[in-house]
Amino acid sequence: MYLSNGEPFYKEYLRNMKIPSYSEIQTKNPITFSNIGGYTFAHTYIEYLDITYGWESVLGIIKTNDYQKTFGKIQRDIYLEWVNYIENYYQ
């Protein structure tokens, strides 16, 4: 969504949707991912990575899927930072 300039995330979404848990976003099933709001929240995840770590890091994680190498942190730590970003920026 972020890469394609899709529909942005609106603060009002948080009134009716819960932020998907770390374990929920690990699914490889696109239907399950959609049902938990994954695609709706995906825009904010890439936005957060870009703002916090820069576009080169976004490209790096897309290419390698190696969080430790790209960010110097494990994926769960990045997830927790992203949740904090959503809760503070979009509230």
Protein backbone atom coordinates (compact mmCIF):
# COMPACT_ATOMS: atom_id res chain seq x y z
CA MET A 1 0.00 0.00 0.00
CA TYR A 2 2.69 2.49 0.97
CA LEU A 3 4.79 1.69 -2.08
CA SER A 4 1.84 2.05 -4.44
CA ASN A 5 0.49 5.25 -2.87
CA GLY A 6 -2.58 3.31 -1.82
CA GLU A 7 -5.17 4.52 0.63
CA PRO A 8 -3.49 5.98 3.72
CA PHE A 9 -4.22 4.87 7.26
CA TYR A 10 -6.69 7.07 9.09
CA LYS A 11 -6.73 7.63 12.86
CA GLU A 12 -10.40 6.65 12.93
CA TYR A 13 -9.43 3.05 12.03
CA LEU A 14 -8.08 2.60 15.55
CA ARG A 15 -11.55 3.09 17.00
CA ASN A 16 -12.85 -0.04 15.28
CA MET A 17 -9.75 -2.13 14.71
CA LYS A 18 -7.17 -3.59 17.03
CA ILE A 19 -3.52 -3.57 16.10
CA PRO A 20 -2.65 -7.10 14.97
CA SER A 21 -0.48 -9.01 17.43
CA TYR A 22 3.07 -10.01 16.57
CA SER A 23 2.03 -13.65 16.21
CA GLU A 24 -0.91 -12.72 13.98
CA ILE A 25 1.24 -10.81 11.50
CA GLN A 26 3.53 -13.82 11.10
CA THR A 27 0.93 -15.63 9.01
CA LYS A 28 1.83 -16.53 5.44
CA ASN A 29 -1.83 -16.79 4.49
CA PRO A 30 -2.97 -13.64 2.63
CA ILE A 31 -6.63 -14.17 3.57
CA THR A 32 -5.81 -14.50 7.26
CA PHE A 33 -3.55 -11.46 6.99
CA SER A 34 -6.38 -9.49 5.42
CA ASN A 35 -8.88 -10.64 8.04
CA ILE A 36 -6.69 -9.34 10.90
CA GLY A 37 -6.37 -5.95 9.20
CA GLY A 38 -2.84 -6.62 8.04
CA TYR A 39 -3.19 -4.81 4.74
CA THR A 40 -4.84 -1.83 6.41
CA PHE A 41 -1.96 -1.52 8.88
CA ALA A 42 0.80 -2.37 6.36
CA HIS A 43 0.98 1.24 5.18
CA THR A 44 1.89 2.42 8.69
CA TYR A 45 4.59 -0.24 9.07
CA ILE A 46 6.48 0.84 5.98
CA GLU A 47 5.86 4.49 6.84
CA TYR A 48 7.35 3.90 10.30
CA LEU A 49 10.41 2.12 8.90
CA ASP A 50 10.98 4.89 6.36
CA ILE A 51 10.64 7.72 8.89
CA THR A 52 12.71 5.99 11.57
CA TYR A 53 15.38 4.10 9.62
CA GLY A 54 15.30 5.61 6.12
CA TRP A 55 14.29 4.41 2.71
CA GLU A 56 17.52 2.46 2.16
CA SER A 57 16.66 0.34 5.18
CA VAL A 58 13.16 -0.29 3.80
CA LEU A 59 14.73 -1.52 0.58
CA GLY A 60 17.23 -3.56 2.57
CA ILE A 61 14.56 -5.41 4.54
CA ILE A 62 12.58 -6.08 1.35
CA LYS A 63 15.67 -7.56 -0.29
CA THR A 64 17.01 -9.59 2.64
CA ASN A 65 14.24 -10.02 5.24
CA ASP A 66 17.12 -9.88 7.74
CA TYR A 67 16.06 -7.57 10.56
CA GLN A 68 19.25 -7.99 12.56
CA LYS A 69 21.43 -7.07 9.60
CA THR A 70 19.20 -4.23 8.39
CA PHE A 71 18.18 -2.61 11.67
CA GLY A 72 20.51 -4.15 14.26
CA LYS A 73 17.40 -5.46 16.05
CA ILE A 74 15.21 -8.52 15.96
CA GLN A 75 11.87 -8.38 14.15
CA ARG A 76 9.84 -8.44 17.38
CA ASP A 77 11.65 -5.30 18.64
CA ILE A 78 10.82 -3.49 15.40
CA TYR A 79 7.21 -4.63 15.76
CA LEU A 80 7.03 -3.21 19.31
CA GLU A 81 8.50 0.11 18.12
CA TRP A 82 5.93 0.21 15.32
CA VAL A 83 3.05 -0.43 17.75
CA ASN A 84 4.33 2.42 19.92
CA TYR A 85 4.48 4.64 16.82
CA ILE A 86 0.87 3.85 15.92
CA GLU A 87 -0.37 4.35 19.44
CA ASN A 88 1.33 7.72 19.76
CA TYR A 89 1.22 9.14 16.24
CA TYR A 90 -2.22 8.03 15.17
CA GLN A 91 -4.05 8.52 18.48
